[in-house]
Amino acid sequence: MHPGRSGRSLSERAANSGVRPSEPPPAALPGRPGPDPVEGRHCWVRDPPQAPGTWPGLLVEWRRRGETWQGRVAFTVAGADGPALVEAWLPADRLEPR
């Protein structure tokens, strides 16, 4: 972005692009009633691949794969050299509200 430049914002351009999701993401994180959380919500990541246990994470976005939903999450796990940051797409049933 350049100072003094006027024009439509990225948000306005995206809204006017005509691209719309075919259907909304899950109504809620598993185990939580109510509306879908916005991106950037804290969640618990349960038993991600190669890191069994429960880890605090950040839900970044949703996507639909076939008949199921997946959440893109960022979380840390204990590594050999200390904490390691992981970003992964995980099934919605592995994510819980925090």
N, C-alpha and C. Protein backbone atom coordinates (compact mmCIF):
# COMPACT_ATOMS: atom_id res chain seq x y z
N MET A 1 0.85 -1.17 0.00
CA MET A 1 0.00 0.00 0.00
C MET A 1 0.90 1.24 0.00
N HIS A 2 0.49 2.20 -0.74
CA HIS A 2 1.25 3.44 -0.84
C HIS A 2 0.48 4.56 -0.16
N PRO A 3 1.16 5.40 0.63
CA PRO A 3 0.48 6.50 1.29
C PRO A 3 -0.18 7.42 0.26
N GLY A 4 -1.34 7.92 0.60
CA GLY A 4 -2.02 8.86 -0.26
C GLY A 4 -2.76 8.22 -1.43
N ARG A 5 -2.65 6.94 -1.55
CA ARG A 5 -3.32 6.25 -2.65
C ARG A 5 -4.76 5.97 -2.25
N SER A 6 -5.67 6.32 -3.07
CA SER A 6 -7.06 6.03 -2.73
C SER A 6 -7.59 5.00 -3.71
N GLY A 7 -8.48 4.19 -3.22
CA GLY A 7 -9.07 3.13 -4.03
C GLY A 7 -9.77 2.16 -3.11
N ARG A 8 -10.26 1.11 -3.69
CA ARG A 8 -10.97 0.12 -2.89
C ARG A 8 -9.99 -0.68 -2.04
N SER A 9 -10.43 -1.00 -0.84
CA SER A 9 -9.60 -1.80 0.05
C SER A 9 -9.61 -3.25 -0.41
N LEU A 10 -8.69 -4.04 0.11
CA LEU A 10 -8.65 -5.46 -0.21
C LEU A 10 -9.96 -6.13 0.20
N SER A 11 -10.51 -5.74 1.34
CA SER A 11 -11.78 -6.29 1.80
C SER A 11 -12.90 -5.99 0.81
N GLU A 12 -12.95 -4.76 0.31
CA GLU A 12 -13.98 -4.39 -0.66
C GLU A 12 -13.80 -5.15 -1.97
N ARG A 13 -12.56 -5.29 -2.42
CA ARG A 13 -12.32 -6.02 -3.67
C ARG A 13 -12.70 -7.48 -3.52
N ALA A 14 -12.40 -8.09 -2.36
CA ALA A 14 -12.75 -9.50 -2.14
C ALA A 14 -14.27 -9.67 -2.11
N ALA A 15 -14.96 -8.76 -1.44
CA ALA A 15 -16.41 -8.85 -1.34
C ALA A 15 -17.07 -8.71 -2.71
N ASN A 16 -16.47 -7.94 -3.60
CA ASN A 16 -17.04 -7.71 -4.93
C ASN A 16 -16.50 -8.67 -5.98
N SER A 17 -15.69 -9.64 -5.58
CA SER A 17 -15.07 -10.55 -6.55
C SER A 17 -16.05 -11.54 -7.15
N GLY A 18 -17.17 -11.78 -6.45
CA GLY A 18 -18.12 -12.77 -6.93
C GLY A 18 -17.82 -14.17 -6.43
N VAL A 19 -16.70 -14.36 -5.77
CA VAL A 19 -16.34 -15.68 -5.23
C VAL A 19 -16.99 -15.82 -3.88
N ARG A 20 -17.79 -16.83 -3.72
CA ARG A 20 -18.50 -17.07 -2.46
C ARG A 20 -18.32 -18.53 -2.07
N PRO A 21 -18.16 -18.83 -0.79
CA PRO A 21 -18.09 -20.23 -0.37
C PRO A 21 -19.40 -20.94 -0.67
N SER A 22 -19.31 -22.22 -1.02
CA SER A 22 -20.51 -22.97 -1.37
C SER A 22 -21.42 -23.18 -0.17
N GLU A 23 -20.87 -23.33 0.99
CA GLU A 23 -21.65 -23.44 2.22
C GLU A 23 -20.77 -23.04 3.39
N PRO A 24 -21.36 -22.61 4.48
CA PRO A 24 -20.57 -22.12 5.60
C PRO A 24 -19.81 -23.25 6.30
N PRO A 25 -18.75 -22.91 7.05
CA PRO A 25 -18.03 -23.91 7.83
C PRO A 25 -18.90 -24.46 8.95
N PRO A 26 -18.38 -25.40 9.72
CA PRO A 26 -19.18 -26.00 10.79
C PRO A 26 -19.85 -24.94 11.65
N ALA A 27 -21.04 -25.28 12.15
CA ALA A 27 -21.79 -24.33 12.97
C ALA A 27 -21.02 -23.95 14.22
N ALA A 28 -20.20 -24.83 14.70
CA ALA A 28 -19.40 -24.55 15.91
C ALA A 28 -18.27 -25.55 15.98
N LEU A 29 -17.31 -25.27 16.82
CA LEU A 29 -16.30 -26.27 17.10
C LEU A 29 -16.97 -27.44 17.78
N PRO A 30 -16.46 -28.65 17.61
CA PRO A 30 -17.09 -29.79 18.27
C PRO A 30 -17.26 -29.54 19.77
N GLY A 31 -18.43 -29.86 20.28
CA GLY A 31 -18.69 -29.71 21.71
C GLY A 31 -19.11 -28.32 22.13
N ARG A 32 -19.26 -27.40 21.18
CA ARG A 32 -19.63 -26.04 21.55
C ARG A 32 -20.83 -25.58 20.72
N PRO A 33 -21.93 -25.31 21.36
CA PRO A 33 -23.07 -24.80 20.61
C PRO A 33 -22.86 -23.35 20.23
N GLY A 34 -23.63 -22.88 19.30
CA GLY A 34 -23.58 -21.47 18.95
C GLY A 34 -22.94 -21.22 17.61
N PRO A 35 -22.78 -19.96 17.26
CA PRO A 35 -22.27 -19.60 15.95
C PRO A 35 -20.80 -19.98 15.79
N ASP A 36 -20.40 -20.08 14.55
CA ASP A 36 -19.02 -20.41 14.22
C ASP A 36 -18.09 -19.33 14.72
N PRO A 37 -16.98 -19.72 15.33
CA PRO A 37 -16.03 -18.70 15.77
C PRO A 37 -15.36 -18.05 14.55
N VAL A 38 -14.92 -16.83 14.71
CA VAL A 38 -14.19 -16.16 13.65
C VAL A 38 -12.78 -16.73 13.58
N GLU A 39 -12.12 -16.50 12.47
CA GLU A 39 -10.74 -16.95 12.35
C GLU A 39 -9.90 -16.32 13.45
N GLY A 40 -8.88 -17.02 13.84
CA GLY A 40 -8.00 -16.51 14.87
C GLY A 40 -8.48 -16.80 16.28
N ARG A 41 -9.30 -17.85 16.43
CA ARG A 41 -9.81 -18.22 17.75
C ARG A 41 -8.90 -19.26 18.39
N HIS A 42 -8.73 -19.13 19.70
CA HIS A 42 -7.96 -20.12 20.44
C HIS A 42 -8.74 -21.43 20.47
N CYS A 43 -8.02 -22.54 20.44
CA CYS A 43 -8.65 -23.85 20.51
C CYS A 43 -7.67 -24.85 21.12
N TRP A 44 -8.19 -26.01 21.49
CA TRP A 44 -7.37 -27.13 21.92
C TRP A 44 -7.20 -28.06 20.73
N VAL A 45 -5.99 -28.47 20.48
CA VAL A 45 -5.70 -29.42 19.40
C VAL A 45 -5.48 -30.77 20.07
N ARG A 46 -6.32 -31.74 19.76
CA ARG A 46 -6.26 -33.06 20.40
C ARG A 46 -5.58 -34.07 19.49
N ASP A 47 -4.51 -34.64 19.98
CA ASP A 47 -3.78 -35.73 19.32
C ASP A 47 -3.45 -35.47 17.86
N PRO A 48 -2.71 -34.41 17.57
CA PRO A 48 -2.27 -34.22 16.19
C PRO A 48 -1.30 -35.34 15.80
N PRO A 49 -1.13 -35.61 14.50
CA PRO A 49 -0.20 -36.67 14.08
C PRO A 49 1.20 -36.46 14.66
N GLN A 50 1.78 -37.50 15.15
CA GLN A 50 3.14 -37.53 15.69
C GLN A 50 3.36 -36.63 16.90
N ALA A 51 2.29 -36.18 17.54
CA ALA A 51 2.42 -35.38 18.77
C ALA A 51 1.22 -35.65 19.66
N PRO A 52 1.07 -36.89 20.18
CA PRO A 52 -0.10 -37.20 21.00
C PRO A 52 -0.20 -36.26 22.20
N GLY A 53 -1.42 -35.98 22.57
CA GLY A 53 -1.66 -35.09 23.69
C GLY A 53 -2.59 -33.97 23.29
N THR A 54 -2.73 -33.02 24.19
CA THR A 54 -3.58 -31.87 23.95
C THR A 54 -2.71 -30.63 23.98
N TRP A 55 -2.82 -29.82 22.92
CA TRP A 55 -1.96 -28.65 22.78
C TRP A 55 -2.81 -27.40 22.55
N PRO A 56 -2.43 -26.27 23.14
CA PRO A 56 -3.16 -25.03 22.83
C PRO A 56 -2.81 -24.58 21.42
N GLY A 57 -3.82 -24.10 20.70
CA GLY A 57 -3.58 -23.69 19.32
C GLY A 57 -4.40 -22.49 18.93
N LEU A 58 -4.21 -22.08 17.70
CA LEU A 58 -4.94 -20.96 17.12
C LEU A 58 -5.58 -21.44 15.83
N LEU A 59 -6.92 -21.42 15.79
CA LEU A 59 -7.67 -21.78 14.58
C LEU A 59 -7.59 -20.61 13.61
N VAL A 60 -7.04 -20.85 12.44
CA VAL A 60 -6.83 -19.79 11.46
C VAL A 60 -7.94 -19.74 10.42
N GLU A 61 -8.35 -20.91 9.92
CA GLU A 61 -9.41 -20.94 8.92
C GLU A 61 -9.99 -22.34 8.79
N TRP A 62 -11.12 -22.43 8.08
CA TRP A 62 -11.79 -23.69 7.80
C TRP A 62 -11.70 -24.00 6.32
N ARG A 63 -11.77 -25.30 5.98
CA ARG A 63 -11.96 -25.70 4.59
C ARG A 63 -12.76 -27.00 4.57
N ARG A 64 -13.42 -27.23 3.49
CA ARG A 64 -14.24 -28.43 3.33
C ARG A 64 -13.48 -29.40 2.43
N ARG A 65 -13.40 -30.66 2.86
CA ARG A 65 -12.79 -31.72 2.09
C ARG A 65 -13.78 -32.86 2.02
N GLY A 66 -14.42 -33.02 0.87
CA GLY A 66 -15.44 -34.05 0.73
C GLY A 66 -16.61 -33.74 1.64
N GLU A 67 -16.93 -34.68 2.50
CA GLU A 67 -18.06 -34.52 3.43
C GLU A 67 -17.64 -33.99 4.80
N THR A 68 -16.35 -33.73 4.98
CA THR A 68 -15.88 -33.31 6.31
C THR A 68 -15.24 -31.92 6.25
N TRP A 69 -15.11 -31.33 7.43
CA TRP A 69 -14.45 -30.04 7.57
C TRP A 69 -13.10 -30.24 8.22
N GLN A 70 -12.16 -29.38 7.84
CA GLN A 70 -10.84 -29.35 8.46
C GLN A 70 -10.55 -27.92 8.90
N GLY A 71 -9.80 -27.81 9.99
CA GLY A 71 -9.38 -26.50 10.47
C GLY A 71 -7.88 -26.35 10.30
N ARG A 72 -7.47 -25.19 9.85
CA ARG A 72 -6.04 -24.90 9.77
C ARG A 72 -5.64 -24.29 11.10
N VAL A 73 -4.73 -24.93 11.78
CA VAL A 73 -4.34 -24.49 13.11
C VAL A 73 -2.83 -24.31 13.21
N ALA A 74 -2.43 -23.41 14.08
CA ALA A 74 -1.03 -23.23 14.43
C ALA A 74 -0.93 -23.54 15.92
N PHE A 75 0.07 -24.36 16.28
CA PHE A 75 0.23 -24.74 17.69
C PHE A 75 1.68 -25.13 17.92
N THR A 76 2.07 -25.18 19.19
CA THR A 76 3.43 -25.61 19.53
C THR A 76 3.38 -26.97 20.20
N VAL A 77 4.41 -27.76 19.95
CA VAL A 77 4.56 -29.06 20.60
C VAL A 77 5.98 -29.14 21.16
N ALA A 78 6.17 -30.02 22.12
CA ALA A 78 7.49 -30.21 22.71
C ALA A 78 8.36 -30.96 21.71
N GLY A 79 9.49 -30.37 21.35
CA GLY A 79 10.44 -30.99 20.43
C GLY A 79 11.72 -31.36 21.15
N ALA A 80 12.59 -32.05 20.46
CA ALA A 80 13.87 -32.46 21.04
C ALA A 80 14.71 -31.26 21.46
N ASP A 81 14.60 -30.15 20.74
CA ASP A 81 15.38 -28.95 21.04
C ASP A 81 14.53 -27.84 21.63
N GLY A 82 13.38 -28.20 22.22
CA GLY A 82 12.48 -27.21 22.79
C GLY A 82 11.19 -27.13 22.00
N PRO A 83 10.37 -26.12 22.26
CA PRO A 83 9.09 -26.02 21.56
C PRO A 83 9.27 -25.87 20.06
N ALA A 84 8.36 -26.50 19.31
CA ALA A 84 8.37 -26.40 17.86
C ALA A 84 7.00 -25.90 17.40
N LEU A 85 7.01 -24.95 16.49
CA LEU A 85 5.78 -24.41 15.94
C LEU A 85 5.31 -25.28 14.79
N VAL A 86 4.03 -25.66 14.82
CA VAL A 86 3.44 -26.52 13.80
C VAL A 86 2.23 -25.81 13.21
N GLU A 87 2.09 -25.89 11.90
CA GLU A 87 0.88 -25.43 11.23
C GLU A 87 0.35 -26.61 10.44
N ALA A 88 -0.94 -26.93 10.61
CA ALA A 88 -1.49 -28.11 9.95
C ALA A 88 -2.98 -27.98 9.74
N TRP A 89 -3.48 -28.72 8.74
CA TRP A 89 -4.92 -28.90 8.54
C TRP A 89 -5.31 -30.15 9.28
N LEU A 90 -6.26 -30.03 10.21
CA LEU A 90 -6.68 -31.17 11.01
C LEU A 90 -8.21 -31.33 10.93
N PRO A 91 -8.70 -32.55 11.07
CA PRO A 91 -10.15 -32.75 11.08
C PRO A 91 -10.80 -31.96 12.21
N ALA A 92 -12.01 -31.47 11.95
CA ALA A 92 -12.71 -30.65 12.95
C ALA A 92 -12.90 -31.39 14.26
N ASP A 93 -13.02 -32.72 14.23
CA ASP A 93 -13.24 -33.45 15.48
C ASP A 93 -12.01 -33.48 16.38
N ARG A 94 -10.87 -32.99 15.91
CA ARG A 94 -9.67 -32.90 16.76
C ARG A 94 -9.50 -31.51 17.38
N LEU A 95 -10.43 -30.61 17.10
CA LEU A 95 -10.35 -29.24 17.60
C LEU A 95 -11.49 -28.97 18.56
N GLU A 96 -11.17 -28.36 19.68
CA GLU A 96 -12.18 -28.02 20.68
C GLU A 96 -11.99 -26.58 21.12
N PRO A 97 -13.08 -25.92 21.51
CA PRO A 97 -12.95 -24.53 21.96
C PRO A 97 -12.09 -24.45 23.21
N ARG A 98 -11.44 -23.35 23.36
CA ARG A 98 -10.58 -23.14 24.52
C ARG A 98 -11.24 -22.18 25.47
